[in-house]
Amino acid sequence: MSTLSDDTLRKILVQIQTQAITSQKQLTVVKAQITSKEKERRILALQVKELGNVPGDGGMYKGVGKM
């Protein structure tokens, strides 16, 4: 087995550390996206449930934003 120089090992270590930091940042972003999508899913499920309780001839309003 060949031995690697200290300089080469240091470079490899720096690359691994950089990749670990990048991966950790990406993981944090993905977890935030998952949390956001789960919240959106719960809100939409509640809307579907509430609209399911409205009779077919019930009046509905569409939000148009602030006036």
N, C-alpha and C. Protein backbone atom coordinates (compact mmCIF):
# COMPACT_ATOMS: atom_id res chain seq x y z
N MET A 1 0.85 -1.18 0.00
CA MET A 1 0.00 0.00 0.00
C MET A 1 0.89 1.23 0.00
N SER A 2 0.60 2.15 -0.87
CA SER A 2 1.42 3.35 -0.94
C SER A 2 0.93 4.36 0.10
N THR A 3 1.86 5.10 0.61
CA THR A 3 1.50 6.13 1.59
C THR A 3 1.36 7.46 0.88
N LEU A 4 0.40 8.22 1.31
CA LEU A 4 0.17 9.54 0.73
C LEU A 4 0.88 10.58 1.57
N SER A 5 1.32 11.62 0.92
CA SER A 5 2.01 12.68 1.65
C SER A 5 1.01 13.45 2.51
N ASP A 6 1.54 14.13 3.50
CA ASP A 6 0.69 14.92 4.39
C ASP A 6 -0.08 15.99 3.62
N ASP A 7 0.57 16.58 2.63
CA ASP A 7 -0.08 17.62 1.83
C ASP A 7 -1.28 17.05 1.07
N THR A 8 -1.11 15.88 0.49
CA THR A 8 -2.20 15.24 -0.25
C THR A 8 -3.35 14.89 0.69
N LEU A 9 -3.02 14.35 1.84
CA LEU A 9 -4.05 14.01 2.82
C LEU A 9 -4.80 15.25 3.29
N ARG A 10 -4.08 16.35 3.46
CA ARG A 10 -4.70 17.61 3.87
C ARG A 10 -5.68 18.10 2.80
N LYS A 11 -5.28 17.99 1.54
CA LYS A 11 -6.16 18.42 0.45
C LYS A 11 -7.42 17.57 0.39
N ILE A 12 -7.25 16.27 0.58
CA ILE A 12 -8.40 15.38 0.58
C ILE A 12 -9.33 15.72 1.74
N LEU A 13 -8.76 15.97 2.91
CA LEU A 13 -9.56 16.33 4.07
C LEU A 13 -10.34 17.62 3.84
N VAL A 14 -9.69 18.61 3.25
CA VAL A 14 -10.35 19.88 2.97
C VAL A 14 -11.51 19.67 1.99
N GLN A 15 -11.29 18.83 0.98
CA GLN A 15 -12.35 18.55 0.01
C GLN A 15 -13.54 17.87 0.68
N ILE A 16 -13.25 16.92 1.55
CA ILE A 16 -14.31 16.21 2.25
C ILE A 16 -15.07 17.16 3.17
N GLN A 17 -14.36 18.01 3.87
CA GLN A 17 -15.01 18.97 4.76
C GLN A 17 -15.88 19.95 3.98
N THR A 18 -15.38 20.42 2.85
CA THR A 18 -16.14 21.34 2.01
C THR A 18 -17.41 20.67 1.50
N GLN A 19 -17.27 19.42 1.06
CA GLN A 19 -18.43 18.69 0.58
C GLN A 19 -19.43 18.44 1.71
N ALA A 20 -18.95 18.16 2.90
CA ALA A 20 -19.84 17.94 4.04
C ALA A 20 -20.61 19.22 4.38
N ILE A 21 -19.95 20.35 4.35
CA ILE A 21 -20.60 21.63 4.64
C ILE A 21 -21.67 21.93 3.59
N THR A 22 -21.32 21.72 2.32
CA THR A 22 -22.27 21.95 1.23
C THR A 22 -23.48 21.03 1.37
N SER A 23 -23.23 19.78 1.68
CA SER A 23 -24.32 18.82 1.84
C SER A 23 -25.21 19.20 3.01
N GLN A 24 -24.63 19.67 4.09
CA GLN A 24 -25.41 20.08 5.26
C GLN A 24 -26.31 21.27 4.92
N LYS A 25 -25.77 22.22 4.16
CA LYS A 25 -26.58 23.38 3.75
C LYS A 25 -27.74 22.94 2.87
N GLN A 26 -27.46 22.03 1.93
CA GLN A 26 -28.51 21.54 1.05
C GLN A 26 -29.57 20.79 1.84
N LEU A 27 -29.14 20.01 2.83
CA LEU A 27 -30.08 19.28 3.67
C LEU A 27 -30.99 20.23 4.43
N THR A 28 -30.43 21.32 4.94
CA THR A 28 -31.22 22.31 5.66
C THR A 28 -32.27 22.94 4.74
N VAL A 29 -31.88 23.25 3.51
CA VAL A 29 -32.81 23.83 2.54
C VAL A 29 -33.94 22.85 2.23
N VAL A 30 -33.58 21.59 2.01
CA VAL A 30 -34.58 20.58 1.68
C VAL A 30 -35.55 20.37 2.84
N LYS A 31 -35.03 20.35 4.06
CA LYS A 31 -35.91 20.19 5.23
C LYS A 31 -36.88 21.37 5.34
N ALA A 32 -36.41 22.58 5.05
CA ALA A 32 -37.29 23.75 5.08
C ALA A 32 -38.36 23.64 4.00
N GLN A 33 -37.98 23.15 2.83
CA GLN A 33 -38.95 22.98 1.75
C GLN A 33 -39.99 21.93 2.11
N ILE A 34 -39.55 20.85 2.74
CA ILE A 34 -40.48 19.80 3.16
C ILE A 34 -41.48 20.35 4.17
N THR A 35 -40.98 21.10 5.14
CA THR A 35 -41.85 21.70 6.15
C THR A 35 -42.87 22.62 5.50
N SER A 36 -42.42 23.43 4.56
CA SER A 36 -43.31 24.36 3.86
C SER A 36 -44.39 23.61 3.07
N LYS A 37 -44.00 22.57 2.37
CA LYS A 37 -44.96 21.80 1.57
C LYS A 37 -45.94 21.05 2.46
N GLU A 38 -45.48 20.55 3.62
CA GLU A 38 -46.40 19.87 4.54
C GLU A 38 -47.44 20.86 5.08
N LYS A 39 -47.01 22.07 5.38
CA LYS A 39 -47.94 23.10 5.85
C LYS A 39 -48.96 23.41 4.75
N GLU A 40 -48.48 23.57 3.53
CA GLU A 40 -49.37 23.86 2.40
C GLU A 40 -50.36 22.72 2.20
N ARG A 41 -49.90 21.47 2.34
CA ARG A 41 -50.76 20.31 2.18
C ARG A 41 -51.86 20.28 3.24
N ARG A 42 -51.51 20.60 4.49
CA ARG A 42 -52.50 20.63 5.56
C ARG A 42 -53.55 21.72 5.31
N ILE A 43 -53.11 22.87 4.85
CA ILE A 43 -54.04 23.97 4.55
C ILE A 43 -54.99 23.57 3.42
N LEU A 44 -54.45 22.96 2.37
CA LEU A 44 -55.29 22.54 1.25
C LEU A 44 -56.27 21.45 1.66
N ALA A 45 -55.82 20.52 2.51
CA ALA A 45 -56.72 19.46 2.98
C ALA A 45 -57.86 20.06 3.80
N LEU A 46 -57.56 21.06 4.61
CA LEU A 46 -58.60 21.73 5.39
C LEU A 46 -59.58 22.45 4.46
N GLN A 47 -59.07 23.10 3.43
CA GLN A 47 -59.95 23.78 2.48
C GLN A 47 -60.87 22.80 1.77
N VAL A 48 -60.33 21.68 1.36
CA VAL A 48 -61.15 20.66 0.68
C VAL A 48 -62.22 20.14 1.63
N LYS A 49 -61.85 19.91 2.88
CA LYS A 49 -62.81 19.42 3.87
C LYS A 49 -63.93 20.44 4.10
N GLU A 50 -63.55 21.71 4.25
CA GLU A 50 -64.55 22.75 4.49
C GLU A 50 -65.45 22.96 3.28
N LEU A 51 -64.88 22.92 2.08
CA LEU A 51 -65.70 23.09 0.88
C LEU A 51 -66.59 21.89 0.64
N GLY A 52 -66.19 20.72 1.12
CA GLY A 52 -67.03 19.53 0.99
C GLY A 52 -68.30 19.63 1.81
N ASN A 53 -68.28 20.44 2.86
CA ASN A 53 -69.45 20.60 3.73
C ASN A 53 -70.46 21.61 3.17
N VAL A 54 -70.08 22.35 2.15
CA VAL A 54 -70.96 23.38 1.58
C VAL A 54 -71.91 22.71 0.59
N PRO A 55 -73.22 23.00 0.70
CA PRO A 55 -74.16 22.42 -0.26
C PRO A 55 -73.88 22.92 -1.68
N GLY A 56 -74.34 22.17 -2.66
CA GLY A 56 -74.08 22.50 -4.05
C GLY A 56 -74.58 23.86 -4.48
N ASP A 57 -75.68 24.33 -3.88
CA ASP A 57 -76.22 25.63 -4.26
C ASP A 57 -75.76 26.73 -3.32
N GLY A 58 -74.79 26.44 -2.49
CA GLY A 58 -74.28 27.44 -1.54
C GLY A 58 -73.47 28.51 -2.26
N GLY A 59 -73.61 29.74 -1.81
CA GLY A 59 -72.87 30.84 -2.43
C GLY A 59 -71.42 30.84 -1.98
N MET A 60 -70.54 31.14 -2.89
CA MET A 60 -69.11 31.19 -2.57
C MET A 60 -68.54 32.53 -3.06
N TYR A 61 -67.54 32.99 -2.38
CA TYR A 61 -66.86 34.23 -2.77
C TYR A 61 -65.42 33.90 -3.10
N LYS A 62 -64.89 34.65 -4.02
CA LYS A 62 -63.49 34.47 -4.40
C LYS A 62 -62.72 35.68 -3.90
N GLY A 63 -61.66 35.43 -3.14
CA GLY A 63 -60.84 36.53 -2.65
C GLY A 63 -60.11 37.20 -3.79
N VAL A 64 -60.08 38.52 -3.76
CA VAL A 64 -59.41 39.27 -4.82
C VAL A 64 -58.26 40.11 -4.28
N GLY A 65 -57.96 39.96 -3.02
CA GLY A 65 -56.87 40.72 -2.44
C GLY A 65 -57.36 41.93 -1.68
N LYS A 66 -56.43 42.79 -1.31
CA LYS A 66 -56.78 43.97 -0.53
C LYS A 66 -57.43 45.01 -1.42
N MET A 67 -58.29 45.79 -0.81
CA MET A 67 -58.93 46.87 -1.54
C MET A 67 -58.40 48.19 -1.07
